[in-house]
Amino acid sequence: MNSKVILMFLFVAGAHAPVETRVVEGYLIDQKCASYYRESQPKKLSDHSRGCVVACGREGGYGLISADQYTSFDSKGSRLAQQWLERPGEDKDLHVSVTFEEENGTLKVIKIE
């Protein structure tokens, strides 16, 4: 009976896709302002203020702009972004390093530094 349990466990464990971790650097931004900065003002991302990111991000969530690409954060990522923004720091130049886990094509934020 124990061998059936072990075989079943191995079958279920083997059915999942591998999880890949990657770190991406870029600018923390709110979803509301992301398209404006990505499309028409990419060189001014470093001027986007913490106050704007906090105010607009509370309504719509957060994401990352890196190499002209915008990545929206999941709910955990938005909570982590809010926590990062609440720490003392620069008012502008919100350059961060975000660790993502990718599983089955879905990105999940693990850490923001």
PDB file of N, CA and C in Angstrom:
ATOM      1  N   MET A   1       0.817  -1.188   0.000  1.00  0.00           N
ATOM      2  CA  MET A   1       0.000   0.000   0.000  1.00  0.00           C
ATOM      3  C   MET A   1       0.863   1.255   0.000  1.00  0.00           C
ATOM      4  N   ASN A   2       1.960   1.251   0.720  1.00  0.00           N
ATOM      5  CA  ASN A   2       2.842   2.409   0.732  1.00  0.00           C
ATOM      6  C   ASN A   2       3.420   2.697  -0.645  1.00  0.00           C
ATOM      7  N   SER A   3       3.707   1.675  -1.443  1.00  0.00           N
ATOM      8  CA  SER A   3       4.266   1.897  -2.770  1.00  0.00           C
ATOM      9  C   SER A   3       3.268   2.611  -3.673  1.00  0.00           C
ATOM     10  N   LYS A   4       1.970   2.364  -3.515  1.00  0.00           N
ATOM     11  CA  LYS A   4       0.959   3.063  -4.311  1.00  0.00           C
ATOM     12  C   LYS A   4       0.945   4.545  -3.969  1.00  0.00           C
ATOM     13  N   VAL A   5       1.072   4.848  -2.708  1.00  0.00           N
ATOM     14  CA  VAL A   5       1.085   6.241  -2.280  1.00  0.00           C
ATOM     15  C   VAL A   5       2.304   6.959  -2.845  1.00  0.00           C
ATOM     16  N   ILE A   6       3.445   6.332  -2.800  1.00  0.00           N
ATOM     17  CA  ILE A   6       4.667   6.938  -3.321  1.00  0.00           C
ATOM     18  C   ILE A   6       4.553   7.147  -4.817  1.00  0.00           C
ATOM     19  N   LEU A   7       4.074   6.163  -5.551  1.00  0.00           N
ATOM     20  CA  LEU A   7       3.922   6.304  -6.997  1.00  0.00           C
ATOM     21  C   LEU A   7       2.928   7.403  -7.336  1.00  0.00           C
ATOM     22  N   MET A   8       1.854   7.507  -6.610  1.00  0.00           N
ATOM     23  CA  MET A   8       0.871   8.540  -6.862  1.00  0.00           C
ATOM     24  C   MET A   8       1.491   9.917  -6.614  1.00  0.00           C
ATOM     25  N   PHE A   9       2.260  10.049  -5.565  1.00  0.00           N
ATOM     26  CA  PHE A   9       2.921  11.304  -5.250  1.00  0.00           C
ATOM     27  C   PHE A   9       3.881  11.703  -6.371  1.00  0.00           C
ATOM     28  N   LEU A  10       4.657  10.762  -6.861  1.00  0.00           N
ATOM     29  CA  LEU A  10       5.599  11.043  -7.929  1.00  0.00           C
ATOM     30  C   LEU A  10       4.871  11.450  -9.205  1.00  0.00           C
ATOM     31  N   PHE A  11       3.761  10.836  -9.506  1.00  0.00           N
ATOM     32  CA  PHE A  11       2.990  11.176 -10.693  1.00  0.00           C
ATOM     33  C   PHE A  11       2.440  12.590 -10.577  1.00  0.00           C
ATOM     34  N   VAL A  12       1.859  12.933  -9.437  1.00  0.00           N
ATOM     35  CA  VAL A  12       1.296  14.270  -9.241  1.00  0.00           C
ATOM     36  C   VAL A  12       2.403  15.307  -9.250  1.00  0.00           C
ATOM     37  N   ALA A  13       3.507  15.052  -8.572  1.00  0.00           N
ATOM     38  CA  ALA A  13       4.609  16.005  -8.518  1.00  0.00           C
ATOM     39  C   ALA A  13       5.208  16.224  -9.897  1.00  0.00           C
ATOM     40  N   GLY A  14       5.270  15.198 -10.716  1.00  0.00           N
ATOM     41  CA  GLY A  14       5.847  15.313 -12.050  1.00  0.00           C
ATOM     42  C   GLY A  14       4.949  16.023 -13.037  1.00  0.00           C
ATOM     43  N   ALA A  15       3.679  16.218 -12.713  1.00  0.00           N
ATOM     44  CA  ALA A  15       2.739  16.836 -13.628  1.00  0.00           C
ATOM     45  C   ALA A  15       2.865  18.349 -13.677  1.00  0.00           C
ATOM     46  N   HIS A  16       3.514  18.957 -12.702  1.00  0.00           N
ATOM     47  CA  HIS A  16       3.636  20.412 -12.656  1.00  0.00           C
ATOM     48  C   HIS A  16       4.805  20.887 -13.500  1.00  0.00           C
ATOM     49  N   ALA A  17       4.611  22.056 -14.120  1.00  0.00           N
ATOM     50  CA  ALA A  17       5.688  22.667 -14.895  1.00  0.00           C
ATOM     51  C   ALA A  17       6.729  23.240 -13.941  1.00  0.00           C
ATOM     52  N   PRO A  18       7.978  23.297 -14.371  1.00  0.00           N
ATOM     53  CA  PRO A  18       9.016  23.858 -13.499  1.00  0.00           C
ATOM     54  C   PRO A  18       8.792  25.357 -13.264  1.00  0.00           C
ATOM     55  N   VAL A  19       9.217  25.822 -12.101  1.00  0.00           N
ATOM     56  CA  VAL A  19       9.118  27.233 -11.752  1.00  0.00           C
ATOM     57  C   VAL A  19      10.467  27.879 -12.041  1.00  0.00           C
ATOM     58  N   GLU A  20      10.438  28.974 -12.772  1.00  0.00           N
ATOM     59  CA  GLU A  20      11.660  29.685 -13.129  1.00  0.00           C
ATOM     60  C   GLU A  20      11.676  31.015 -12.385  1.00  0.00           C
ATOM     61  N   THR A  21      12.805  31.363 -11.794  1.00  0.00           N
ATOM     62  CA  THR A  21      12.961  32.634 -11.093  1.00  0.00           C
ATOM     63  C   THR A  21      13.840  33.546 -11.923  1.00  0.00           C
ATOM     64  N   ARG A  22      13.436  34.821 -12.017  1.00  0.00           N
ATOM     65  CA  ARG A  22      14.276  35.789 -12.719  1.00  0.00           C
ATOM     66  C   ARG A  22      14.183  37.146 -12.055  1.00  0.00           C
ATOM     67  N   VAL A  23      15.239  37.914 -12.204  1.00  0.00           N
ATOM     68  CA  VAL A  23      15.318  39.248 -11.629  1.00  0.00           C
ATOM     69  C   VAL A  23      15.333  40.252 -12.777  1.00  0.00           C
ATOM     70  N   VAL A  24      14.468  41.264 -12.686  1.00  0.00           N
ATOM     71  CA  VAL A  24      14.368  42.288 -13.720  1.00  0.00           C
ATOM     72  C   VAL A  24      14.537  43.651 -13.052  1.00  0.00           C
ATOM     73  N   GLU A  25      15.368  44.491 -13.640  1.00  0.00           N
ATOM     74  CA  GLU A  25      15.559  45.846 -13.135  1.00  0.00           C
ATOM     75  C   GLU A  25      14.798  46.829 -13.999  1.00  0.00           C
ATOM     76  N   GLY A  26      14.256  47.861 -13.361  1.00  0.00           N
ATOM     77  CA  GLY A  26      13.523  48.875 -14.087  1.00  0.00           C
ATOM     78  C   GLY A  26      12.933  49.882 -13.119  1.00  0.00           C
ATOM     79  N   TYR A  27      11.903  50.583 -13.578  1.00  0.00           N
ATOM     80  CA  TYR A  27      11.265  51.613 -12.769  1.00  0.00           C
ATOM     81  C   TYR A  27       9.924  51.136 -12.245  1.00  0.00           C
ATOM     82  N   LEU A  28       9.745  51.283 -10.938  1.00  0.00           N
ATOM     83  CA  LEU A  28       8.460  51.004 -10.313  1.00  0.00           C
ATOM     84  C   LEU A  28       7.502  52.115 -10.728  1.00  0.00           C
ATOM     85  N   ILE A  29       6.317  51.720 -11.182  1.00  0.00           N
ATOM     86  CA  ILE A  29       5.361  52.696 -11.682  1.00  0.00           C
ATOM     87  C   ILE A  29       3.949  52.214 -11.410  1.00  0.00           C
ATOM     88  N   ASP A  30       3.035  53.161 -11.353  1.00  0.00           N
ATOM     89  CA  ASP A  30       1.626  52.809 -11.201  1.00  0.00           C
ATOM     90  C   ASP A  30       1.053  52.469 -12.578  1.00  0.00           C
ATOM     91  N   GLN A  31       0.027  51.635 -12.598  1.00  0.00           N
ATOM     92  CA  GLN A  31      -0.573  51.210 -13.868  1.00  0.00           C
ATOM     93  C   GLN A  31      -1.216  52.369 -14.618  1.00  0.00           C
ATOM     94  N   LYS A  32      -1.721  53.353 -13.868  1.00  0.00           N
ATOM     95  CA  LYS A  32      -2.395  54.493 -14.489  1.00  0.00           C
ATOM     96  C   LYS A  32      -1.443  55.311 -15.378  1.00  0.00           C
ATOM     97  N   CYS A  33      -0.214  55.519 -14.935  1.00  0.00           N
ATOM     98  CA  CYS A  33       0.756  56.341 -15.670  1.00  0.00           C
ATOM     99  C   CYS A  33       1.673  55.530 -16.590  1.00  0.00           C
ATOM    100  N   ALA A  34       1.623  54.225 -16.515  1.00  0.00           N
ATOM    101  CA  ALA A  34       2.573  53.373 -17.234  1.00  0.00           C
ATOM    102  C   ALA A  34       2.583  53.604 -18.739  1.00  0.00           C
ATOM    103  N   SER A  35       1.432  53.636 -19.373  1.00  0.00           N
ATOM    104  CA  SER A  35       1.416  53.771 -20.835  1.00  0.00           C
ATOM    105  C   SER A  35       1.941  55.134 -21.272  1.00  0.00           C
ATOM    106  N   TYR A  36       1.624  56.184 -20.525  1.00  0.00           N
ATOM    107  CA  TYR A  36       2.117  57.528 -20.857  1.00  0.00           C
ATOM    108  C   TYR A  36       3.648  57.546 -20.870  1.00  0.00           C
ATOM    109  N   TYR A  37       4.250  57.052 -19.802  1.00  0.00           N
ATOM    110  CA  TYR A  37       5.713  57.079 -19.727  1.00  0.00           C
ATOM    111  C   TYR A  37       6.353  56.107 -20.703  1.00  0.00           C
ATOM    112  N   ARG A  38       5.784  54.949 -20.868  1.00  0.00           N
ATOM    113  CA  ARG A  38       6.379  53.948 -21.774  1.00  0.00           C
ATOM    114  C   ARG A  38       6.302  54.410 -23.220  1.00  0.00           C
ATOM    115  N   GLU A  39       5.178  54.988 -23.614  1.00  0.00           N
ATOM    116  CA  GLU A  39       4.964  55.339 -25.025  1.00  0.00           C
ATOM    117  C   GLU A  39       5.511  56.708 -25.410  1.00  0.00           C
ATOM    118  N   SER A  40       5.345  57.717 -24.551  1.00  0.00           N
ATOM    119  CA  SER A  40       5.721  59.059 -24.988  1.00  0.00           C
ATOM    120  C   SER A  40       6.808  59.740 -24.162  1.00  0.00           C
ATOM    121  N   GLN A  41       7.095  59.249 -22.969  1.00  0.00           N
ATOM    122  CA  GLN A  41       8.077  59.914 -22.113  1.00  0.00           C
ATOM    123  C   GLN A  41       9.056  58.945 -21.439  1.00  0.00           C
ATOM    124  N   PRO A  42       9.597  57.976 -22.139  1.00  0.00           N
ATOM    125  CA  PRO A  42      10.458  56.983 -21.479  1.00  0.00           C
ATOM    126  C   PRO A  42      11.703  57.587 -20.828  1.00  0.00           C
ATOM    127  N   LYS A  43      12.217  58.687 -21.365  1.00  0.00           N
ATOM    128  CA  LYS A  43      13.421  59.295 -20.798  1.00  0.00           C
ATOM    129  C   LYS A  43      13.117  60.079 -19.520  1.00  0.00           C
ATOM    130  N   LYS A  44      11.836  60.287 -19.237  1.00  0.00           N
ATOM    131  CA  LYS A  44      11.457  61.030 -18.037  1.00  0.00           C
ATOM    132  C   LYS A  44      10.986  60.125 -16.902  1.00  0.00           C
ATOM    133  N   LEU A  45      11.152  58.832 -17.049  1.00  0.00           N
ATOM    134  CA  LEU A  45      10.743  57.895 -15.993  1.00  0.00           C
ATOM    135  C   LEU A  45      11.410  58.199 -14.661  1.00  0.00           C
ATOM    136  N   SER A  46      12.652  58.624 -14.697  1.00  0.00           N
ATOM    137  CA  SER A  46      13.360  58.908 -13.451  1.00  0.00           C
ATOM    138  C   SER A  46      12.791  60.133 -12.735  1.00  0.00           C
ATOM    139  N   ASP A  47      11.993  60.948 -13.430  1.00  0.00           N
ATOM    140  CA  ASP A  47      11.366  62.127 -12.824  1.00  0.00           C
ATOM    141  C   ASP A  47       9.979  61.835 -12.248  1.00  0.00           C
ATOM    142  N   HIS A  48       9.450  60.662 -12.504  1.00  0.00           N
ATOM    143  CA  HIS A  48       8.112  60.315 -12.005  1.00  0.00           C
ATOM    144  C   HIS A  48       8.176  60.197 -10.486  1.00  0.00           C
ATOM    145  N   SER A  49       7.355  60.968  -9.786  1.00  0.00           N
ATOM    146  CA  SER A  49       7.492  61.087  -8.336  1.00  0.00           C
ATOM    147  C   SER A  49       6.859  59.937  -7.561  1.00  0.00           C
ATOM    148  N   ARG A  50       7.426  59.692  -6.415  1.00  0.00           N
ATOM    149  CA  ARG A  50       6.913  58.687  -5.479  1.00  0.00           C
ATOM    150  C   ARG A  50       5.459  59.007  -5.124  1.00  0.00           C
ATOM    151  N   GLY A  51       5.153  60.285  -4.893  1.00  0.00           N
ATOM    152  CA  GLY A  51       3.801  60.689  -4.538  1.00  0.00           C
ATOM    153  C   GLY A  51       2.774  60.311  -5.599  1.00  0.00           C
ATOM    154  N   CYS A  52       3.120  60.505  -6.860  1.00  0.00           N
ATOM    155  CA  CYS A  52       2.214  60.145  -7.956  1.00  0.00           C
ATOM    156  C   CYS A  52       2.051  58.629  -8.023  1.00  0.00           C
ATOM    157  N   VAL A  53       3.146  57.911  -7.912  1.00  0.00           N
ATOM    158  CA  VAL A  53       3.086  56.447  -7.984  1.00  0.00           C
ATOM    159  C   VAL A  53       2.205  55.897  -6.854  1.00  0.00           C
ATOM    160  N   VAL A  54       2.367  56.447  -5.646  1.00  0.00           N
ATOM    161  CA  VAL A  54       1.565  55.990  -4.510  1.00  0.00           C
ATOM    162  C   VAL A  54       0.087  56.309  -4.725  1.00  0.00           C
ATOM    163  N   ALA A  55      -0.212  57.560  -5.072  1.00  0.00           N
ATOM    164  CA  ALA A  55      -1.609  57.985  -5.228  1.00  0.00           C
ATOM    165  C   ALA A  55      -2.323  57.223  -6.345  1.00  0.00           C
ATOM    166  N   CYS A  56      -1.693  57.119  -7.481  1.00  0.00           N
ATOM    167  CA  CYS A  56      -2.333  56.438  -8.620  1.00  0.00           C
ATOM    168  C   CYS A  56      -2.293  54.920  -8.469  1.00  0.00           C
ATOM    169  N   GLY A  57      -1.259  54.406  -7.826  1.00  0.00           N
ATOM    170  CA  GLY A  57      -1.128  52.961  -7.658  1.00  0.00           C
ATOM    171  C   GLY A  57      -2.141  52.371  -6.705  1.00  0.00           C
ATOM    172  N   ARG A  58      -2.562  53.149  -5.717  1.00  0.00           N
ATOM    173  CA  ARG A  58      -3.583  52.654  -4.786  1.00  0.00           C
ATOM    174  C   ARG A  58      -4.868  52.319  -5.518  1.00  0.00           C
ATOM    175  N   GLU A  59      -5.170  53.075  -6.559  1.00  0.00           N
ATOM    176  CA  GLU A  59      -6.392  52.850  -7.336  1.00  0.00           C
ATOM    177  C   GLU A  59      -6.246  51.701  -8.330  1.00  0.00           C
ATOM    178  N   GLY A  60      -5.120  51.673  -9.041  1.00  0.00           N
ATOM    179  CA  GLY A  60      -5.017  50.740 -10.148  1.00  0.00           C
ATOM    180  C   GLY A  60      -3.948  49.680 -10.058  1.00  0.00           C
ATOM    181  N   GLY A  61      -3.108  49.736  -9.032  1.00  0.00           N
ATOM    182  CA  GLY A  61      -2.049  48.752  -8.928  1.00  0.00           C
ATOM    183  C   GLY A  61      -0.736  49.260  -9.483  1.00  0.00           C
ATOM    184  N   TYR A  62       0.252  48.399  -9.461  1.00  0.00           N
ATOM    185  CA  TYR A  62       1.616  48.775  -9.814  1.00  0.00           C
ATOM    186  C   TYR A  62       2.194  47.827 -10.857  1.00  0.00           C
ATOM    187  N   GLY A  63       3.349  48.248 -11.368  1.00  0.00           N
ATOM    188  CA  GLY A  63       4.058  47.420 -12.322  1.00  0.00           C
ATOM    189  C   GLY A  63       5.482  47.901 -12.479  1.00  0.00           C
ATOM    190  N   LEU A  64       6.159  47.387 -13.491  1.00  0.00           N
ATOM    191  CA  LEU A  64       7.565  47.676 -13.740  1.00  0.00           C
ATOM    192  C   LEU A  64       7.751  47.999 -15.212  1.00  0.00           C
ATOM    193  N   ILE A  65       8.467  49.094 -15.482  1.00  0.00           N
ATOM    194  CA  ILE A  65       8.872  49.390 -16.856  1.00  0.00           C
ATOM    195  C   ILE A  65      10.359  49.095 -16.958  1.00  0.00           C
ATOM    196  N   SER A  66      10.696  48.218 -17.887  1.00  0.00           N
ATOM    197  CA  SER A  66      12.075  47.827 -18.121  1.00  0.00           C
ATOM    198  C   SER A  66      12.266  47.626 -19.612  1.00  0.00           C
ATOM    199  N   ALA A  67      13.242  48.331 -20.185  1.00  0.00           N
ATOM    200  CA  ALA A  67      13.543  48.210 -21.617  1.00  0.00           C
ATOM    201  C   ALA A  67      12.286  48.396 -22.465  1.00  0.00           C
ATOM    202  N   ASP A  68      11.547  49.459 -22.207  1.00  0.00           N
ATOM    203  CA  ASP A  68      10.323  49.813 -22.948  1.00  0.00           C
ATOM    204  C   ASP A  68       9.220  48.770 -22.860  1.00  0.00           C
ATOM    205  N   GLN A  69       9.287  47.894 -21.874  1.00  0.00           N
ATOM    206  CA  GLN A  69       8.248  46.885 -21.685  1.00  0.00           C
ATOM    207  C   GLN A  69       7.630  47.078 -20.307  1.00  0.00           C
ATOM    208  N   TYR A  70       6.320  46.994 -20.245  1.00  0.00           N
ATOM    209  CA  TYR A  70       5.610  47.139 -18.978  1.00  0.00           C
ATOM    210  C   TYR A  70       5.144  45.770 -18.508  1.00  0.00           C
ATOM    211  N   THR A  71       5.404  45.460 -17.237  1.00  0.00           N
ATOM    212  CA  THR A  71       4.945  44.220 -16.624  1.00  0.00           C
ATOM    213  C   THR A  71       4.066  44.582 -15.442  1.00  0.00           C
ATOM    214  N   SER A  72       2.817  44.191 -15.503  1.00  0.00           N
ATOM    215  CA  SER A  72       1.863  44.452 -14.425  1.00  0.00           C
ATOM    216  C   SER A  72       2.105  43.486 -13.279  1.00  0.00           C
ATOM    217  N   PHE A  73       1.967  43.978 -12.047  1.00  0.00           N
ATOM    218  CA  PHE A  73       2.145  43.131 -10.877  1.00  0.00           C
ATOM    219  C   PHE A  73       0.842  42.440 -10.498  1.00  0.00           C
ATOM    220  N   ASP A  74       0.973  41.260  -9.946  1.00  0.00           N
ATOM    221  CA  ASP A  74      -0.160  40.561  -9.354  1.00  0.00           C
ATOM    222  C   ASP A  74      -0.508  41.249  -8.030  1.00  0.00           C
ATOM    223  N   SER A  75      -1.525  40.778  -7.333  1.00  0.00           N
ATOM    224  CA  SER A  75      -1.951  41.435  -6.096  1.00  0.00           C
ATOM    225  C   SER A  75      -0.851  41.419  -5.035  1.00  0.00           C
ATOM    226  N   LYS A  76      -0.109  40.324  -4.932  1.00  0.00           N
ATOM    227  CA  LYS A  76       0.998  40.273  -3.979  1.00  0.00           C
ATOM    228  C   LYS A  76       2.067  41.285  -4.372  1.00  0.00           C
ATOM    229  N   GLY A  77       2.342  41.394  -5.650  1.00  0.00           N
ATOM    230  CA  GLY A  77       3.325  42.355  -6.133  1.00  0.00           C
ATOM    231  C   GLY A  77       2.922  43.788  -5.823  1.00  0.00           C
ATOM    232  N   SER A  78       1.636  44.083  -5.953  1.00  0.00           N
ATOM    233  CA  SER A  78       1.158  45.426  -5.626  1.00  0.00           C
ATOM    234  C   SER A  78       1.299  45.706  -4.134  1.00  0.00           C
ATOM    235  N   ARG A  79       1.048  44.706  -3.295  1.00  0.00           N
ATOM    236  CA  ARG A  79       1.255  44.885  -1.844  1.00  0.00           C
ATOM    237  C   ARG A  79       2.729  45.122  -1.535  1.00  0.00           C
ATOM    238  N   LEU A  80       3.611  44.356  -2.174  1.00  0.00           N
ATOM    239  CA  LEU A  80       5.049  44.537  -1.965  1.00  0.00           C
ATOM    240  C   LEU A  80       5.508  45.910  -2.465  1.00  0.00           C
ATOM    241  N   ALA A  81       4.950  46.363  -3.582  1.00  0.00           N
ATOM    242  CA  ALA A  81       5.292  47.688  -4.109  1.00  0.00           C
ATOM    243  C   ALA A  81       4.853  48.773  -3.136  1.00  0.00           C
ATOM    244  N   GLN A  82       3.660  48.647  -2.587  1.00  0.00           N
ATOM    245  CA  GLN A  82       3.164  49.626  -1.621  1.00  0.00           C
ATOM    246  C   GLN A  82       4.083  49.670  -0.398  1.00  0.00           C
ATOM    247  N   GLN A  83       4.514  48.509   0.072  1.00  0.00           N
ATOM    248  CA  GLN A  83       5.434  48.454   1.215  1.00  0.00           C
ATOM    249  C   GLN A  83       6.774  49.111   0.872  1.00  0.00           C
ATOM    250  N   TRP A  84       7.278  48.851  -0.327  1.00  0.00           N
ATOM    251  CA  TRP A  84       8.543  49.443  -0.756  1.00  0.00           C
ATOM    252  C   TRP A  84       8.405  50.961  -0.820  1.00  0.00           C
ATOM    253  N   LEU A  85       7.290  51.448  -1.329  1.00  0.00           N
ATOM    254  CA  LEU A  85       7.069  52.887  -1.458  1.00  0.00           C
ATOM    255  C   LEU A  85       6.905  53.582  -0.105  1.00  0.00           C
ATOM    256  N   GLU A  86       6.469  52.865   0.903  1.00  0.00           N
ATOM    257  CA  GLU A  86       6.281  53.443   2.232  1.00  0.00           C
ATOM    258  C   GLU A  86       7.593  53.612   2.986  1.00  0.00           C
ATOM    259  N   ARG A  87       8.643  52.948   2.530  1.00  0.00           N
ATOM    260  CA  ARG A  87       9.957  53.106   3.175  1.00  0.00           C
ATOM    261  C   ARG A  87      10.531  54.476   2.831  1.00  0.00           C
ATOM    262  N   PRO A  88      11.369  55.012   3.714  1.00  0.00           N
ATOM    263  CA  PRO A  88      12.039  56.274   3.378  1.00  0.00           C
ATOM    264  C   PRO A  88      12.956  56.062   2.177  1.00  0.00           C
ATOM    265  N   GLY A  89      13.018  57.069   1.334  1.00  0.00           N
ATOM    266  CA  GLY A  89      13.887  56.963   0.173  1.00  0.00           C
ATOM    267  C   GLY A  89      13.732  58.165  -0.730  1.00  0.00           C
ATOM    268  N   GLU A  90      14.298  58.060  -1.890  1.00  0.00           N
ATOM    269  CA  GLU A  90      14.253  59.141  -2.868  1.00  0.00           C
ATOM    270  C   GLU A  90      12.814  59.428  -3.285  1.00  0.00           C
ATOM    271  N   ASP A  91      12.557  60.703  -3.599  1.00  0.00           N
ATOM    272  CA  ASP A  91      11.230  61.084  -4.071  1.00  0.00           C
ATOM    273  C   ASP A  91      11.052  60.735  -5.545  1.00  0.00           C
ATOM    274  N   LYS A  92      12.158  60.644  -6.268  1.00  0.00           N
ATOM    275  CA  LYS A  92      12.119  60.312  -7.696  1.00  0.00           C
ATOM    276  C   LYS A  92      13.145  59.220  -7.966  1.00  0.00           C
ATOM    277  N   ASP A  93      13.260  58.835  -9.214  1.00  0.00           N
ATOM    278  CA  ASP A  93      14.199  57.784  -9.625  1.00  0.00           C
ATOM    279  C   ASP A  93      13.915  56.486  -8.864  1.00  0.00           C
ATOM    280  N   LEU A  94      12.707  55.969  -9.057  1.00  0.00           N
ATOM    281  CA  LEU A  94      12.254  54.764  -8.356  1.00  0.00           C
ATOM    282  C   LEU A  94      12.726  53.499  -9.073  1.00  0.00           C
ATOM    283  N   HIS A  95      14.034  53.399  -9.241  1.00  0.00           N
ATOM    284  CA  HIS A  95      14.648  52.252  -9.902  1.00  0.00           C
ATOM    285  C   HIS A  95      14.698  51.094  -8.912  1.00  0.00           C
ATOM    286  N   VAL A  96      14.176  49.946  -9.320  1.00  0.00           N
ATOM    287  CA  VAL A  96      14.091  48.785  -8.439  1.00  0.00           C
ATOM    288  C   VAL A  96      14.575  47.530  -9.154  1.00  0.00           C
ATOM    289  N   SER A  97      14.774  46.513  -8.357  1.00  0.00           N
ATOM    290  CA  SER A  97      15.098  45.177  -8.840  1.00  0.00           C
ATOM    291  C   SER A  97      13.970  44.267  -8.344  1.00  0.00           C
ATOM    292  N   VAL A  98      13.274  43.611  -9.274  1.00  0.00           N
ATOM    293  CA  VAL A  98      12.120  42.783  -8.931  1.00  0.00           C
ATOM    294  C   VAL A  98      12.422  41.326  -9.245  1.00  0.00           C
ATOM    295  N   THR A  99      12.197  40.474  -8.258  1.00  0.00           N
ATOM    296  CA  THR A  99      12.358  39.040  -8.458  1.00  0.00           C
ATOM    297  C   THR A  99      10.985  38.451  -8.753  1.00  0.00           C
ATOM    298  N   PHE A 100      10.892  37.787  -9.904  1.00  0.00           N
ATOM    299  CA  PHE A 100       9.657  37.144 -10.338  1.00  0.00           C
ATOM    300  C   PHE A 100       9.836  35.633 -10.335  1.00  0.00           C
ATOM    301  N   GLU A 101       8.751  34.923 -10.101  1.00  0.00           N
ATOM    302  CA  GLU A 101       8.670  33.496 -10.373  1.00  0.00           C
ATOM    303  C   GLU A 101       7.719  33.356 -11.548  1.00  0.00           C
ATOM    304  N   GLU A 102       8.111  32.555 -12.522  1.00  0.00           N
ATOM    305  CA  GLU A 102       7.252  32.307 -13.675  1.00  0.00           C
ATOM    306  C   GLU A 102       6.859  30.843 -13.667  1.00  0.00           C
ATOM    307  N   GLU A 103       5.551  30.613 -13.669  1.00  0.00           N
ATOM    308  CA  GLU A 103       5.029  29.257 -13.697  1.00  0.00           C
ATOM    309  C   GLU A 103       3.859  29.219 -14.667  1.00  0.00           C
ATOM    310  N   ASN A 104       3.947  28.361 -15.639  1.00  0.00           N
ATOM    311  CA  ASN A 104       2.902  28.217 -16.656  1.00  0.00           C
ATOM    312  C   ASN A 104       2.578  29.546 -17.323  1.00  0.00           C
ATOM    313  N   GLY A 105       3.604  30.365 -17.584  1.00  0.00           N
ATOM    314  CA  GLY A 105       3.415  31.631 -18.277  1.00  0.00           C
ATOM    315  C   GLY A 105       2.908  32.770 -17.411  1.00  0.00           C
ATOM    316  N   THR A 106       2.746  32.550 -16.119  1.00  0.00           N
ATOM    317  CA  THR A 106       2.260  33.581 -15.213  1.00  0.00           C
ATOM    318  C   THR A 106       3.409  34.077 -14.348  1.00  0.00           C
ATOM    319  N   LEU A 107       3.569  35.405 -14.282  1.00  0.00           N
ATOM    320  CA  LEU A 107       4.606  36.001 -13.454  1.00  0.00           C
ATOM    321  C   LEU A 107       4.044  36.360 -12.088  1.00  0.00           C
ATOM    322  N   LYS A 108       4.777  35.985 -11.045  1.00  0.00           N
ATOM    323  CA  LYS A 108       4.399  36.311  -9.676  1.00  0.00           C
ATOM    324  C   LYS A 108       5.572  37.052  -9.037  1.00  0.00           C
ATOM    325  N   VAL A 109       5.281  38.194  -8.417  1.00  0.00           N
ATOM    326  CA  VAL A 109       6.321  38.973  -7.757  1.00  0.00           C
ATOM    327  C   VAL A 109       6.676  38.308  -6.439  1.00  0.00           C
ATOM    328  N   ILE A 110       7.956  38.095  -6.212  1.00  0.00           N
ATOM    329  CA  ILE A 110       8.455  37.476  -4.992  1.00  0.00           C
ATOM    330  C   ILE A 110       9.107  38.520  -4.080  1.00  0.00           C
ATOM    331  N   LYS A 111       9.844  39.460  -4.697  1.00  0.00           N
ATOM    332  CA  LYS A 111      10.586  40.432  -3.903  1.00  0.00           C
ATOM    333  C   LYS A 111      10.830  41.684  -4.718  1.00  0.00           C
ATOM    334  N   ILE A 112      10.836  42.852  -4.045  1.00  0.00           N
ATOM    335  CA  ILE A 112      11.184  44.133  -4.658  1.00  0.00           C
ATOM    336  C   ILE A 112      12.278  44.754  -3.815  1.00  0.00           C
ATOM    337  N   GLU A 113      13.370  45.123  -4.476  1.00  0.00           N
ATOM    338  CA  GLU A 113      14.488  45.762  -3.769  1.00  0.00           C
ATOM    339  C   GLU A 113      14.874  47.034  -4.499  1.00  0.00           C
TER     340      GLU A 113
END
